[in-house]
Amino acid sequence: MSLDWLEHDTGGRGGPESSFWRLLYGYLWPFACFRDVTRGQKMERQQNYRHNRAMRVHLPGFALKWAFLTALCFGFGMALGNLPVPLVLTACFFVTGTWTLVVSLLMLTAWCWLTRFPELY
């Protein structure tokens, strides 16, 4: 997987903190590595779709990372449900867990789509 966008110079801004956030972004968010297949001429769209199909092998790993985050959020939510903490804090963990579940399911749906349909055009 090409992570060229991670290696770009920060332009003198930030330091180790900004590189950590870039690394975390690259570790958790796979959609920066995919191309838009709705723009450009037909040949460009075909090449972008082929690129996305080649990159699909990484999606299950990303979905697993997000499933782990989902389990972690729900686990913290359940643990805090038994403690005398503000209800809003517990609800935040459950809402965040729901969002991470949606992202994980989105990645698995994209993987299934790219596996099932070899040629879009």
N, C-alpha and C. Protein backbone atom coordinates (compact mmCIF):
# COMPACT_ATOMS: atom_id res chain seq x y z
N MET A 1 0.86 -1.17 0.00
CA MET A 1 0.00 0.00 0.00
C MET A 1 0.90 1.22 0.00
N SER A 2 0.66 2.11 -0.91
CA SER A 2 1.45 3.32 -1.02
C SER A 2 0.94 4.38 -0.07
N LEU A 3 1.81 4.83 0.80
CA LEU A 3 1.45 5.88 1.75
C LEU A 3 2.31 7.12 1.49
N ASP A 4 2.41 7.50 0.22
CA ASP A 4 3.23 8.65 -0.15
C ASP A 4 2.76 9.93 0.53
N TRP A 5 1.47 10.06 0.76
CA TRP A 5 0.93 11.27 1.36
C TRP A 5 1.38 11.40 2.81
N LEU A 6 1.85 10.30 3.42
CA LEU A 6 2.35 10.38 4.79
C LEU A 6 3.77 10.94 4.85
N GLU A 7 4.50 10.83 3.75
CA GLU A 7 5.90 11.20 3.74
C GLU A 7 6.13 12.66 3.36
N HIS A 8 5.09 13.39 3.04
CA HIS A 8 5.25 14.78 2.63
C HIS A 8 5.75 15.62 3.80
N ASP A 9 6.53 16.61 3.47
CA ASP A 9 7.05 17.52 4.48
C ASP A 9 5.91 18.35 5.07
N THR A 10 5.96 18.59 6.36
CA THR A 10 4.91 19.37 7.01
C THR A 10 5.10 20.86 6.79
N GLY A 11 6.11 21.26 6.08
CA GLY A 11 6.31 22.67 5.79
C GLY A 11 6.79 23.47 6.98
N GLY A 12 7.50 22.82 7.89
CA GLY A 12 8.01 23.54 9.05
C GLY A 12 7.01 23.66 10.17
N ARG A 13 5.77 23.24 9.92
CA ARG A 13 4.76 23.32 10.97
C ARG A 13 4.76 22.02 11.77
N GLY A 14 4.52 22.17 13.04
CA GLY A 14 4.40 20.99 13.89
C GLY A 14 5.72 20.29 14.10
N GLY A 15 5.65 19.23 14.79
CA GLY A 15 6.85 18.46 15.06
C GLY A 15 6.47 17.01 15.17
N PRO A 16 6.95 16.36 16.22
CA PRO A 16 6.64 14.95 16.39
C PRO A 16 5.14 14.69 16.56
N GLU A 17 4.42 15.67 17.13
CA GLU A 17 2.99 15.48 17.33
C GLU A 17 2.26 15.35 16.00
N SER A 18 2.60 16.22 15.05
CA SER A 18 1.89 16.17 13.78
C SER A 18 2.22 14.88 13.03
N SER A 19 3.44 14.39 13.14
CA SER A 19 3.76 13.14 12.46
C SER A 19 3.04 11.96 13.13
N PHE A 20 2.84 12.03 14.44
CA PHE A 20 2.06 10.98 15.12
C PHE A 20 0.63 10.96 14.62
N TRP A 21 0.01 12.13 14.48
CA TRP A 21 -1.38 12.19 14.03
C TRP A 21 -1.49 11.73 12.58
N ARG A 22 -0.50 12.04 11.77
CA ARG A 22 -0.51 11.56 10.38
C ARG A 22 -0.38 10.04 10.34
N LEU A 23 0.48 9.50 11.19
CA LEU A 23 0.66 8.06 11.24
C LEU A 23 -0.61 7.37 11.73
N LEU A 24 -1.24 7.94 12.75
CA LEU A 24 -2.49 7.39 13.25
C LEU A 24 -3.58 7.45 12.18
N TYR A 25 -3.64 8.55 11.46
CA TYR A 25 -4.60 8.70 10.36
C TYR A 25 -4.37 7.63 9.30
N GLY A 26 -3.13 7.43 8.93
CA GLY A 26 -2.81 6.41 7.92
C GLY A 26 -3.06 5.00 8.42
N TYR A 27 -2.96 4.79 9.72
CA TYR A 27 -3.18 3.47 10.30
C TYR A 27 -4.67 3.13 10.37
N LEU A 28 -5.52 4.14 10.55
CA LEU A 28 -6.94 3.88 10.76
C LEU A 28 -7.84 4.22 9.57
N TRP A 29 -7.43 5.08 8.68
CA TRP A 29 -8.32 5.57 7.63
C TRP A 29 -7.83 5.15 6.26
N PRO A 30 -8.42 4.12 5.65
CA PRO A 30 -7.92 3.61 4.38
C PRO A 30 -8.38 4.40 3.16
N PHE A 31 -9.40 5.24 3.32
CA PHE A 31 -10.02 5.86 2.16
C PHE A 31 -9.13 6.88 1.47
N ALA A 32 -8.07 7.32 2.13
CA ALA A 32 -7.12 8.23 1.48
C ALA A 32 -6.31 7.51 0.41
N CYS A 33 -6.26 6.18 0.47
CA CYS A 33 -5.50 5.40 -0.50
C CYS A 33 -6.31 5.01 -1.73
N PHE A 34 -7.60 5.33 -1.72
CA PHE A 34 -8.47 4.97 -2.83
C PHE A 34 -8.72 6.19 -3.71
N ARG A 35 -9.08 5.92 -4.96
CA ARG A 35 -9.30 6.99 -5.93
C ARG A 35 -10.78 7.13 -6.26
N ASP A 36 -11.17 8.33 -6.67
CA ASP A 36 -12.54 8.63 -7.05
C ASP A 36 -12.80 8.11 -8.47
N VAL A 37 -13.77 7.22 -8.61
CA VAL A 37 -14.07 6.64 -9.92
C VAL A 37 -15.22 7.35 -10.62
N THR A 38 -15.66 8.47 -10.10
CA THR A 38 -16.77 9.19 -10.73
C THR A 38 -16.30 10.40 -11.53
N ARG A 39 -15.02 10.67 -11.52
CA ARG A 39 -14.51 11.86 -12.23
C ARG A 39 -13.51 11.47 -13.30
N GLY A 40 -13.43 12.29 -14.32
CA GLY A 40 -12.47 12.07 -15.38
C GLY A 40 -13.08 11.37 -16.58
N GLN A 41 -12.22 11.16 -17.57
CA GLN A 41 -12.65 10.45 -18.77
C GLN A 41 -12.85 8.97 -18.45
N LYS A 42 -13.42 8.25 -19.40
CA LYS A 42 -13.74 6.85 -19.16
C LYS A 42 -12.50 6.02 -18.83
N MET A 43 -11.41 6.25 -19.55
CA MET A 43 -10.20 5.48 -19.29
C MET A 43 -9.64 5.78 -17.89
N GLU A 44 -9.70 7.04 -17.49
CA GLU A 44 -9.22 7.40 -16.16
C GLU A 44 -10.08 6.76 -15.07
N ARG A 45 -11.39 6.73 -15.28
CA ARG A 45 -12.28 6.07 -14.33
C ARG A 45 -11.99 4.57 -14.25
N GLN A 46 -11.71 3.95 -15.40
CA GLN A 46 -11.37 2.53 -15.41
C GLN A 46 -10.07 2.27 -14.65
N GLN A 47 -9.08 3.12 -14.87
CA GLN A 47 -7.81 2.96 -14.16
C GLN A 47 -7.98 3.16 -12.65
N ASN A 48 -8.80 4.13 -12.28
CA ASN A 48 -9.04 4.36 -10.86
C ASN A 48 -9.76 3.16 -10.23
N TYR A 49 -10.71 2.58 -10.95
CA TYR A 49 -11.41 1.41 -10.43
C TYR A 49 -10.46 0.23 -10.29
N ARG A 50 -9.59 0.04 -11.25
CA ARG A 50 -8.60 -1.04 -11.15
C ARG A 50 -7.65 -0.81 -9.97
N HIS A 51 -7.27 0.44 -9.77
CA HIS A 51 -6.43 0.77 -8.61
C HIS A 51 -7.16 0.43 -7.32
N ASN A 52 -8.43 0.79 -7.23
CA ASN A 52 -9.22 0.50 -6.03
C ASN A 52 -9.36 -1.00 -5.81
N ARG A 53 -9.54 -1.76 -6.91
CA ARG A 53 -9.61 -3.21 -6.78
C ARG A 53 -8.29 -3.78 -6.28
N ALA A 54 -7.19 -3.21 -6.72
CA ALA A 54 -5.89 -3.69 -6.25
C ALA A 54 -5.69 -3.36 -4.76
N MET A 55 -6.24 -2.26 -4.32
CA MET A 55 -6.08 -1.83 -2.92
C MET A 55 -7.08 -2.51 -1.98
N ARG A 56 -8.05 -3.22 -2.52
CA ARG A 56 -9.11 -3.81 -1.69
C ARG A 56 -8.58 -4.83 -0.70
N VAL A 57 -7.42 -5.41 -0.96
CA VAL A 57 -6.88 -6.43 -0.06
C VAL A 57 -6.58 -5.86 1.33
N HIS A 58 -6.45 -4.56 1.44
CA HIS A 58 -6.15 -3.94 2.73
C HIS A 58 -7.41 -3.65 3.55
N LEU A 59 -8.57 -3.66 2.93
CA LEU A 59 -9.80 -3.29 3.63
C LEU A 59 -10.18 -4.21 4.78
N PRO A 60 -10.05 -5.53 4.69
CA PRO A 60 -10.39 -6.36 5.86
C PRO A 60 -9.52 -6.04 7.09
N GLY A 61 -8.27 -5.73 6.88
CA GLY A 61 -7.41 -5.35 8.01
C GLY A 61 -7.87 -4.06 8.67
N PHE A 62 -8.23 -3.09 7.85
CA PHE A 62 -8.76 -1.84 8.40
C PHE A 62 -10.09 -2.08 9.11
N ALA A 63 -10.95 -2.92 8.53
CA ALA A 63 -12.24 -3.22 9.16
C ALA A 63 -12.02 -3.91 10.50
N LEU A 64 -11.01 -4.75 10.59
CA LEU A 64 -10.71 -5.42 11.86
C LEU A 64 -10.25 -4.41 12.91
N LYS A 65 -9.45 -3.45 12.50
CA LYS A 65 -9.02 -2.39 13.45
C LYS A 65 -10.21 -1.62 13.97
N TRP A 66 -11.14 -1.28 13.08
CA TRP A 66 -12.33 -0.53 13.49
C TRP A 66 -13.27 -1.40 14.32
N ALA A 67 -13.32 -2.71 14.05
CA ALA A 67 -14.12 -3.61 14.88
C ALA A 67 -13.53 -3.69 16.29
N PHE A 68 -12.21 -3.66 16.37
CA PHE A 68 -11.57 -3.64 17.69
C PHE A 68 -11.92 -2.35 18.43
N LEU A 69 -11.90 -1.23 17.73
CA LEU A 69 -12.30 0.04 18.35
C LEU A 69 -13.76 0.00 18.80
N THR A 70 -14.60 -0.67 18.01
CA THR A 70 -16.01 -0.81 18.38
C THR A 70 -16.13 -1.60 19.68
N ALA A 71 -15.44 -2.72 19.76
CA ALA A 71 -15.48 -3.55 20.97
C ALA A 71 -14.93 -2.78 22.17
N LEU A 72 -13.88 -2.01 21.94
CA LEU A 72 -13.29 -1.22 23.02
C LEU A 72 -14.27 -0.16 23.53
N CYS A 73 -14.93 0.54 22.63
CA CYS A 73 -15.90 1.57 23.04
C CYS A 73 -17.08 0.96 23.78
N PHE A 74 -17.62 -0.15 23.26
CA PHE A 74 -18.74 -0.78 23.94
C PHE A 74 -18.31 -1.38 25.28
N GLY A 75 -17.09 -1.90 25.34
CA GLY A 75 -16.57 -2.42 26.60
C GLY A 75 -16.45 -1.33 27.66
N PHE A 76 -15.90 -0.17 27.27
CA PHE A 76 -15.81 0.95 28.21
C PHE A 76 -17.21 1.43 28.61
N GLY A 77 -18.12 1.46 27.65
CA GLY A 77 -19.49 1.87 27.96
C GLY A 77 -20.15 0.95 28.97
N MET A 78 -19.96 -0.37 28.79
CA MET A 78 -20.55 -1.32 29.74
C MET A 78 -19.87 -1.25 31.11
N ALA A 79 -18.56 -1.05 31.10
CA ALA A 79 -17.85 -0.94 32.38
C ALA A 79 -18.28 0.32 33.13
N LEU A 80 -18.46 1.41 32.41
CA LEU A 80 -18.88 2.66 33.07
C LEU A 80 -20.35 2.63 33.45
N GLY A 81 -21.13 1.73 32.84
CA GLY A 81 -22.54 1.62 33.19
C GLY A 81 -22.76 1.12 34.61
N ASN A 82 -21.78 0.40 35.13
CA ASN A 82 -21.88 -0.13 36.49
C ASN A 82 -21.26 0.78 37.54
N LEU A 83 -20.66 1.87 37.12
CA LEU A 83 -20.01 2.79 38.04
C LEU A 83 -20.83 4.07 38.18
N PRO A 84 -20.67 4.76 39.30
CA PRO A 84 -21.39 6.03 39.47
C PRO A 84 -20.70 7.18 38.73
N VAL A 85 -20.85 7.19 37.42
CA VAL A 85 -20.29 8.26 36.58
C VAL A 85 -21.45 8.94 35.86
N PRO A 86 -21.21 10.12 35.33
CA PRO A 86 -22.29 10.78 34.57
C PRO A 86 -22.78 9.91 33.41
N LEU A 87 -24.06 9.90 33.23
CA LEU A 87 -24.68 9.09 32.18
C LEU A 87 -24.23 9.55 30.79
N VAL A 88 -23.92 10.83 30.65
CA VAL A 88 -23.48 11.36 29.36
C VAL A 88 -22.16 10.72 28.94
N LEU A 89 -21.27 10.48 29.88
CA LEU A 89 -19.98 9.85 29.56
C LEU A 89 -20.20 8.43 29.03
N THR A 90 -21.08 7.70 29.69
CA THR A 90 -21.39 6.34 29.24
C THR A 90 -22.03 6.38 27.85
N ALA A 91 -22.94 7.30 27.64
CA ALA A 91 -23.61 7.42 26.35
C ALA A 91 -22.62 7.78 25.24
N CYS A 92 -21.63 8.60 25.56
CA CYS A 92 -20.62 8.97 24.56
C CYS A 92 -19.86 7.75 24.06
N PHE A 93 -19.54 6.84 24.97
CA PHE A 93 -18.85 5.62 24.55
C PHE A 93 -19.73 4.76 23.65
N PHE A 94 -21.02 4.64 23.99
CA PHE A 94 -21.91 3.84 23.15
C PHE A 94 -22.15 4.49 21.79
N VAL A 95 -22.28 5.79 21.73
CA VAL A 95 -22.47 6.48 20.45
C VAL A 95 -21.21 6.36 19.60
N THR A 96 -20.06 6.55 20.20
CA THR A 96 -18.80 6.40 19.46
C THR A 96 -18.64 4.97 18.97
N GLY A 97 -19.02 4.00 19.79
CA GLY A 97 -18.96 2.60 19.37
C GLY A 97 -19.87 2.32 18.19
N THR A 98 -21.03 2.96 18.17
CA THR A 98 -21.94 2.79 17.04
C THR A 98 -21.34 3.38 15.77
N TRP A 99 -20.71 4.54 15.89
CA TRP A 99 -20.06 5.15 14.72
C TRP A 99 -18.93 4.28 14.19
N THR A 100 -18.11 3.72 15.09
CA THR A 100 -17.00 2.89 14.64
C THR A 100 -17.52 1.60 13.99
N LEU A 101 -18.66 1.10 14.47
CA LEU A 101 -19.27 -0.07 13.84
C LEU A 101 -19.72 0.26 12.42
N VAL A 102 -20.28 1.44 12.23
CA VAL A 102 -20.73 1.85 10.89
C VAL A 102 -19.53 1.96 9.94
N VAL A 103 -18.41 2.51 10.41
CA VAL A 103 -17.22 2.63 9.57
C VAL A 103 -16.70 1.24 9.21
N SER A 104 -16.69 0.33 10.17
CA SER A 104 -16.23 -1.03 9.90
C SER A 104 -17.13 -1.72 8.88
N LEU A 105 -18.43 -1.57 9.02
CA LEU A 105 -19.35 -2.17 8.05
C LEU A 105 -19.22 -1.53 6.67
N LEU A 106 -18.94 -0.24 6.62
CA LEU A 106 -18.71 0.44 5.35
C LEU A 106 -17.49 -0.13 4.64
N MET A 107 -16.43 -0.39 5.39
CA MET A 107 -15.22 -0.97 4.79
C MET A 107 -15.48 -2.38 4.27
N LEU A 108 -16.21 -3.17 5.03
CA LEU A 108 -16.52 -4.53 4.57
C LEU A 108 -17.44 -4.51 3.35
N THR A 109 -18.36 -3.56 3.29
CA THR A 109 -19.23 -3.43 2.12
C THR A 109 -18.41 -3.03 0.89
N ALA A 110 -17.49 -2.10 1.06
CA ALA A 110 -16.62 -1.70 -0.06
C ALA A 110 -15.77 -2.88 -0.52
N TRP A 111 -15.26 -3.66 0.42
CA TRP A 111 -14.45 -4.82 0.07
C TRP A 111 -15.28 -5.84 -0.72
N CYS A 112 -16.51 -6.10 -0.25
CA CYS A 112 -17.39 -7.04 -0.97
C CYS A 112 -17.71 -6.53 -2.37
N TRP A 113 -17.98 -5.25 -2.49
CA TRP A 113 -18.29 -4.67 -3.80
C TRP A 113 -17.10 -4.81 -4.75
N LEU A 114 -15.92 -4.44 -4.28
CA LEU A 114 -14.75 -4.49 -5.15
C LEU A 114 -14.34 -5.92 -5.47
N THR A 115 -14.68 -6.86 -4.62
CA THR A 115 -14.37 -8.27 -4.89
C THR A 115 -15.38 -8.85 -5.87
N ARG A 116 -16.61 -8.48 -5.73
CA ARG A 116 -17.69 -9.07 -6.53
C ARG A 116 -17.70 -8.57 -7.97
N PHE A 117 -17.42 -7.30 -8.18
CA PHE A 117 -17.52 -6.71 -9.51
C PHE A 117 -16.13 -6.39 -10.04
N PRO A 118 -15.57 -7.28 -10.87
CA PRO A 118 -14.20 -7.07 -11.38
C PRO A 118 -14.07 -5.87 -12.30
N GLU A 119 -15.07 -5.59 -13.11
CA GLU A 119 -15.02 -4.45 -14.01
C GLU A 119 -16.30 -3.65 -13.89
N LEU A 120 -16.15 -2.40 -13.55
CA LEU A 120 -17.31 -1.53 -13.42
C LEU A 120 -17.74 -0.99 -14.78
N TYR A 121 -16.80 -0.87 -15.68
CA TYR A 121 -17.10 -0.27 -17.01
C TYR A 121 -17.01 -1.30 -18.09
